[in-house]
C-alpha cells in the first residue's frame, strides 16, 4: 500500500483491475498489536486483482492508465469527484467514468 503523508491521510482508495474505485475511511481498518491475519480492503470478482491501495487526503486521487491509441493518461479526482466512490470497506466500489484502462492510483 502506498502512503500519503500520514498526518493528512483520512481515507484509503482502492482500485480494481476492472476499473472500479472504492474510497473508505481510515477508521475502518483496525491496527492490531500482534499483526493479525489481514483485512479485505475491496470485494473482487473471480480472477480480478487489486491494482492499488493508497492512503489519500481531502485533496483527492490521481488515476493513471492507458487511454485511446494506447496513450498514457492521468485523471485527477478531487473530493467532489470521489463522492460517488465512497463506501464501506470490503465492498465492490463504483466504475470510473473515464474511458481509460486504469493501471494505478496515487494521492494528490
N, C-alpha and C. Protein backbone atom coordinates (compact mmCIF):
# COMPACT_ATOMS: atom_id res chain seq x y z
N UNK A 1 0.85 -1.18 0.00
CA UNK A 1 0.00 0.00 0.00
C UNK A 1 0.89 1.23 0.00
N UNK A 2 0.63 2.14 -0.91
CA UNK A 2 1.35 3.41 -0.96
C UNK A 2 0.77 4.30 0.13
N UNK A 3 1.53 5.30 0.57
CA UNK A 3 1.01 6.16 1.61
C UNK A 3 1.25 7.62 1.30
N UNK A 4 0.21 8.42 1.56
CA UNK A 4 0.36 9.87 1.56
C UNK A 4 0.94 10.21 2.92
N UNK A 5 1.16 11.47 3.16
CA UNK A 5 1.63 11.87 4.48
C UNK A 5 0.61 11.39 5.51
N UNK A 6 1.05 10.64 6.50
CA UNK A 6 0.13 10.05 7.47
C UNK A 6 -0.66 11.11 8.24
N UNK A 7 -0.14 12.33 8.34
CA UNK A 7 -0.87 13.39 9.04
C UNK A 7 -2.07 13.85 8.23
N UNK A 8 -1.95 13.87 6.90
CA UNK A 8 -3.01 14.38 6.04
C UNK A 8 -4.02 13.33 5.64
N UNK A 9 -3.62 12.07 5.64
CA UNK A 9 -4.49 11.00 5.14
C UNK A 9 -5.71 10.81 6.02
N UNK A 10 -6.87 10.69 5.37
CA UNK A 10 -8.12 10.47 6.09
C UNK A 10 -8.90 9.30 5.52
N UNK A 11 -8.45 8.78 4.37
CA UNK A 11 -9.18 7.70 3.71
C UNK A 11 -8.22 6.81 2.94
N UNK A 12 -8.75 5.69 2.48
CA UNK A 12 -7.99 4.77 1.63
C UNK A 12 -8.74 4.62 0.32
N UNK A 13 -8.02 4.71 -0.79
CA UNK A 13 -8.60 4.49 -2.12
C UNK A 13 -8.06 3.18 -2.66
N UNK A 14 -8.97 2.31 -3.15
CA UNK A 14 -8.60 1.02 -3.71
C UNK A 14 -9.07 0.96 -5.16
N UNK A 15 -8.22 0.46 -6.05
CA UNK A 15 -8.52 0.37 -7.47
C UNK A 15 -8.46 -1.09 -7.90
N UNK A 16 -9.52 -1.57 -8.57
CA UNK A 16 -9.55 -2.95 -9.04
C UNK A 16 -9.12 -3.04 -10.50
N UNK A 17 -8.81 -4.25 -10.93
CA UNK A 17 -8.40 -4.49 -12.30
C UNK A 17 -9.48 -4.19 -13.32
N UNK A 18 -10.74 -4.20 -12.90
CA UNK A 18 -11.86 -3.88 -13.80
C UNK A 18 -12.19 -2.40 -13.80
N UNK A 19 -11.34 -1.58 -13.19
CA UNK A 19 -11.55 -0.13 -13.21
C UNK A 19 -12.57 0.38 -12.20
N UNK A 20 -12.76 -0.36 -11.11
CA UNK A 20 -13.65 0.12 -10.06
C UNK A 20 -12.82 0.75 -8.95
N UNK A 21 -13.35 1.82 -8.37
CA UNK A 21 -12.66 2.56 -7.32
C UNK A 21 -13.53 2.58 -6.07
N UNK A 22 -12.93 2.29 -4.93
CA UNK A 22 -13.62 2.33 -3.64
C UNK A 22 -12.81 3.20 -2.70
N UNK A 23 -13.49 4.13 -2.03
CA UNK A 23 -12.85 5.00 -1.05
C UNK A 23 -13.57 4.82 0.28
N UNK A 24 -12.80 4.56 1.34
CA UNK A 24 -13.39 4.41 2.67
C UNK A 24 -12.46 5.02 3.71
N UNK A 25 -13.00 5.31 4.87
CA UNK A 25 -12.26 5.98 5.93
C UNK A 25 -11.17 5.12 6.55
N UNK A 26 -10.09 5.75 6.96
CA UNK A 26 -9.01 5.04 7.64
C UNK A 26 -9.48 4.37 8.93
N UNK A 27 -10.52 4.93 9.52
CA UNK A 27 -11.03 4.38 10.78
C UNK A 27 -11.68 3.00 10.61
N UNK A 28 -11.88 2.54 9.37
CA UNK A 28 -12.46 1.23 9.13
C UNK A 28 -11.43 0.10 9.19
N UNK A 29 -10.15 0.46 9.32
CA UNK A 29 -9.11 -0.56 9.42
C UNK A 29 -8.51 -0.49 10.83
N UNK A 30 -8.58 -1.62 11.50
CA UNK A 30 -8.03 -1.69 12.85
C UNK A 30 -6.57 -2.10 12.79
N UNK A 31 -5.77 -1.51 13.67
CA UNK A 31 -4.38 -1.88 13.75
C UNK A 31 -4.22 -2.78 14.97
N UNK A 32 -3.77 -4.01 14.73
CA UNK A 32 -3.61 -4.98 15.80
C UNK A 32 -2.15 -5.05 16.21
N UNK A 33 -1.92 -5.12 17.51
CA UNK A 33 -0.54 -5.15 18.00
C UNK A 33 0.17 -6.44 17.60
N UNK A 34 -0.57 -7.54 17.45
CA UNK A 34 0.06 -8.82 17.09
C UNK A 34 0.13 -9.04 15.58
N UNK A 35 -0.31 -8.05 14.79
CA UNK A 35 -0.23 -8.17 13.34
C UNK A 35 -1.51 -8.65 12.70
N UNK A 36 -2.20 -9.61 13.28
CA UNK A 36 -3.45 -10.09 12.73
C UNK A 36 -3.26 -10.94 11.49
N UNK A 37 -4.37 -11.24 10.79
CA UNK A 37 -4.33 -12.10 9.61
C UNK A 37 -4.59 -11.33 8.33
N UNK A 38 -4.77 -10.04 8.40
CA UNK A 38 -5.06 -9.24 7.21
C UNK A 38 -6.51 -8.81 7.19
N UNK A 39 -6.84 -7.95 6.27
CA UNK A 39 -8.20 -7.43 6.15
C UNK A 39 -8.55 -7.32 4.66
N UNK A 40 -9.81 -7.58 4.34
CA UNK A 40 -10.27 -7.41 2.97
C UNK A 40 -10.51 -5.92 2.76
N UNK A 41 -9.80 -5.34 1.80
CA UNK A 41 -9.96 -3.93 1.50
C UNK A 41 -11.12 -3.70 0.54
N UNK A 42 -11.24 -4.59 -0.47
CA UNK A 42 -12.22 -4.40 -1.53
C UNK A 42 -12.68 -5.76 -2.03
N UNK A 43 -13.98 -5.91 -2.26
CA UNK A 43 -14.50 -7.15 -2.83
C UNK A 43 -14.14 -7.20 -4.31
N UNK A 44 -13.61 -8.33 -4.74
CA UNK A 44 -13.19 -8.51 -6.12
C UNK A 44 -13.96 -9.65 -6.77
N UNK A 45 -14.15 -9.55 -8.07
CA UNK A 45 -14.79 -10.62 -8.82
C UNK A 45 -13.78 -11.74 -9.05
N UNK A 46 -14.25 -12.89 -9.52
CA UNK A 46 -13.35 -14.02 -9.78
C UNK A 46 -12.26 -13.60 -10.75
N UNK A 47 -11.02 -13.93 -10.45
CA UNK A 47 -9.83 -13.64 -11.26
C UNK A 47 -9.52 -12.15 -11.42
N UNK A 48 -10.21 -11.29 -10.68
CA UNK A 48 -9.90 -9.85 -10.70
C UNK A 48 -8.82 -9.58 -9.66
N UNK A 49 -7.99 -8.59 -9.92
CA UNK A 49 -6.91 -8.26 -9.00
C UNK A 49 -7.08 -6.86 -8.44
N UNK A 50 -6.56 -6.66 -7.24
CA UNK A 50 -6.48 -5.33 -6.65
C UNK A 50 -5.22 -4.69 -7.21
N UNK A 51 -5.38 -3.62 -8.00
CA UNK A 51 -4.22 -2.97 -8.64
C UNK A 51 -3.45 -2.09 -7.67
N UNK A 52 -4.19 -1.37 -6.83
CA UNK A 52 -3.52 -0.43 -5.93
C UNK A 52 -4.42 -0.07 -4.76
N UNK A 53 -3.79 0.26 -3.66
CA UNK A 53 -4.47 0.81 -2.49
C UNK A 53 -3.55 1.87 -1.92
N UNK A 54 -4.09 3.05 -1.67
CA UNK A 54 -3.24 4.14 -1.16
C UNK A 54 -4.01 5.00 -0.17
N UNK A 55 -3.30 5.52 0.80
CA UNK A 55 -3.89 6.46 1.75
C UNK A 55 -3.99 7.82 1.06
N UNK A 56 -5.15 8.46 1.16
CA UNK A 56 -5.36 9.74 0.48
C UNK A 56 -5.89 10.79 1.46
N UNK A 57 -5.78 12.04 1.04
CA UNK A 57 -6.27 13.16 1.84
C UNK A 57 -7.48 13.78 1.13
N UNK A 58 -7.94 14.90 1.64
CA UNK A 58 -9.07 15.62 1.03
C UNK A 58 -8.73 16.17 -0.35
N UNK A 59 -7.44 16.22 -0.69
CA UNK A 59 -7.02 16.75 -1.99
C UNK A 59 -7.47 15.86 -3.15
N UNK A 60 -7.66 14.58 -2.90
CA UNK A 60 -8.13 13.68 -3.93
C UNK A 60 -7.11 12.64 -4.35
N UNK A 61 -7.32 12.10 -5.55
CA UNK A 61 -6.50 11.00 -6.04
C UNK A 61 -6.28 11.17 -7.55
N UNK A 62 -5.13 10.68 -8.01
CA UNK A 62 -4.82 10.66 -9.45
C UNK A 62 -4.88 9.21 -9.91
N UNK A 63 -5.62 8.97 -10.99
CA UNK A 63 -5.72 7.63 -11.57
C UNK A 63 -4.88 7.62 -12.84
N UNK A 64 -3.90 6.72 -12.89
CA UNK A 64 -3.06 6.58 -14.07
C UNK A 64 -3.57 5.39 -14.88
N UNK A 65 -3.48 5.53 -16.20
CA UNK A 65 -3.92 4.44 -17.06
C UNK A 65 -3.57 4.67 -18.50
N UNK A 66 -4.21 3.88 -19.36
CA UNK A 66 -3.97 3.95 -20.79
C UNK A 66 -5.27 4.33 -21.47
N UNK A 67 -5.21 5.39 -22.29
CA UNK A 67 -6.39 5.88 -23.00
C UNK A 67 -6.41 5.39 -24.43
N UNK A 68 -7.09 6.15 -25.27
CA UNK A 68 -7.18 5.81 -26.69
C UNK A 68 -5.81 5.80 -27.34
N UNK A 69 -5.64 4.96 -28.34
CA UNK A 69 -4.38 4.81 -29.08
C UNK A 69 -3.22 4.45 -28.16
N UNK A 70 -3.53 3.77 -27.07
CA UNK A 70 -2.51 3.29 -26.12
C UNK A 70 -1.66 4.42 -25.54
N UNK A 71 -2.25 5.62 -25.41
CA UNK A 71 -1.53 6.76 -24.84
C UNK A 71 -1.70 6.76 -23.32
N UNK A 72 -0.61 6.97 -22.59
CA UNK A 72 -0.72 7.10 -21.13
C UNK A 72 -1.54 8.34 -20.77
N UNK A 73 -2.44 8.19 -19.80
CA UNK A 73 -3.27 9.30 -19.35
C UNK A 73 -3.33 9.31 -17.83
N UNK A 74 -3.69 10.46 -17.31
CA UNK A 74 -3.87 10.61 -15.87
C UNK A 74 -5.12 11.44 -15.63
N UNK A 75 -6.00 10.95 -14.76
CA UNK A 75 -7.23 11.66 -14.42
C UNK A 75 -7.17 11.99 -12.93
N UNK A 76 -7.43 13.25 -12.60
CA UNK A 76 -7.42 13.66 -11.20
C UNK A 76 -8.86 13.77 -10.71
N UNK A 77 -9.14 13.12 -9.58
CA UNK A 77 -10.46 13.19 -8.96
C UNK A 77 -10.32 13.95 -7.65
N UNK A 78 -11.02 15.07 -7.56
CA UNK A 78 -11.00 15.86 -6.32
C UNK A 78 -12.00 15.26 -5.34
N UNK A 79 -12.16 15.88 -4.21
CA UNK A 79 -13.09 15.38 -3.20
C UNK A 79 -14.50 15.23 -3.75
N UNK A 80 -14.96 16.18 -4.57
CA UNK A 80 -16.31 16.08 -5.13
C UNK A 80 -16.40 14.95 -6.15
N UNK A 81 -15.34 14.69 -6.90
CA UNK A 81 -15.32 13.60 -7.87
C UNK A 81 -15.26 12.23 -7.23
N UNK A 82 -14.76 12.18 -6.00
CA UNK A 82 -14.66 10.91 -5.28
C UNK A 82 -15.96 10.55 -4.55
N UNK A 83 -16.89 11.49 -4.46
CA UNK A 83 -18.11 11.28 -3.66
C UNK A 83 -18.87 10.01 -4.05
N UNK A 84 -18.98 9.72 -5.35
CA UNK A 84 -19.74 8.53 -5.75
C UNK A 84 -18.98 7.23 -5.46
N UNK A 85 -17.69 7.33 -5.18
CA UNK A 85 -16.87 6.15 -4.93
C UNK A 85 -16.73 5.83 -3.43
N UNK A 86 -17.29 6.67 -2.58
CA UNK A 86 -17.19 6.46 -1.15
C UNK A 86 -18.14 5.34 -0.73
N UNK A 87 -17.63 4.42 0.07
CA UNK A 87 -18.43 3.30 0.55
C UNK A 87 -17.81 2.69 1.78
N UNK A 88 -18.26 1.53 2.12
CA UNK A 88 -17.73 0.79 3.27
C UNK A 88 -16.61 -0.13 2.79
N UNK A 89 -15.67 -0.42 3.69
CA UNK A 89 -14.58 -1.34 3.39
C UNK A 89 -15.16 -2.69 2.98
N UNK A 90 -14.49 -3.38 2.07
CA UNK A 90 -14.83 -4.71 1.58
C UNK A 90 -16.04 -4.73 0.64
N UNK A 91 -16.43 -3.59 0.10
CA UNK A 91 -17.49 -3.53 -0.92
C UNK A 91 -16.83 -3.45 -2.30
N UNK A 92 -17.64 -3.51 -3.37
CA UNK A 92 -17.10 -3.55 -4.73
C UNK A 92 -16.64 -2.20 -5.26
N UNK A 93 -17.22 -1.11 -4.83
CA UNK A 93 -16.87 0.19 -5.38
C UNK A 93 -17.63 0.48 -6.66
N UNK A 94 -17.38 1.63 -7.25
CA UNK A 94 -18.07 2.06 -8.48
C UNK A 94 -17.06 2.19 -9.62
N UNK A 95 -17.53 1.92 -10.83
CA UNK A 95 -16.68 2.02 -12.01
C UNK A 95 -16.29 3.47 -12.26
N UNK A 96 -15.06 3.67 -12.73
CA UNK A 96 -14.59 5.00 -13.10
C UNK A 96 -15.36 5.48 -14.33
N UNK A 97 -15.66 6.76 -14.38
CA UNK A 97 -16.41 7.31 -15.50
C UNK A 97 -15.56 7.52 -16.74
N UNK A 98 -14.27 7.73 -16.56
CA UNK A 98 -13.40 7.99 -17.71
C UNK A 98 -13.18 6.70 -18.52
N UNK A 99 -12.90 6.87 -19.79
CA UNK A 99 -12.69 5.74 -20.68
C UNK A 99 -11.22 5.39 -20.76
N UNK A 100 -10.64 5.14 -19.61
CA UNK A 100 -9.24 4.79 -19.59
C UNK A 100 -9.08 3.47 -18.87
N UNK A 101 -8.14 2.67 -19.34
CA UNK A 101 -7.85 1.40 -18.69
C UNK A 101 -6.93 1.71 -17.51
N UNK A 102 -7.51 1.66 -16.32
CA UNK A 102 -6.78 2.05 -15.12
C UNK A 102 -5.62 1.10 -14.85
N UNK A 103 -4.49 1.69 -14.44
CA UNK A 103 -3.30 0.93 -14.13
C UNK A 103 -2.80 1.18 -12.70
N UNK A 104 -3.17 2.32 -12.09
CA UNK A 104 -2.70 2.62 -10.76
C UNK A 104 -3.29 3.92 -10.25
N UNK A 105 -3.08 4.19 -8.97
CA UNK A 105 -3.55 5.44 -8.35
C UNK A 105 -2.46 6.00 -7.46
N UNK A 106 -2.55 7.29 -7.20
CA UNK A 106 -1.65 7.94 -6.27
C UNK A 106 -2.38 9.11 -5.63
N UNK A 107 -1.95 9.47 -4.43
CA UNK A 107 -2.56 10.60 -3.72
C UNK A 107 -2.11 11.90 -4.37
N UNK A 108 -2.97 12.90 -4.31
CA UNK A 108 -2.64 14.24 -4.86
C UNK A 108 -1.79 15.01 -3.86
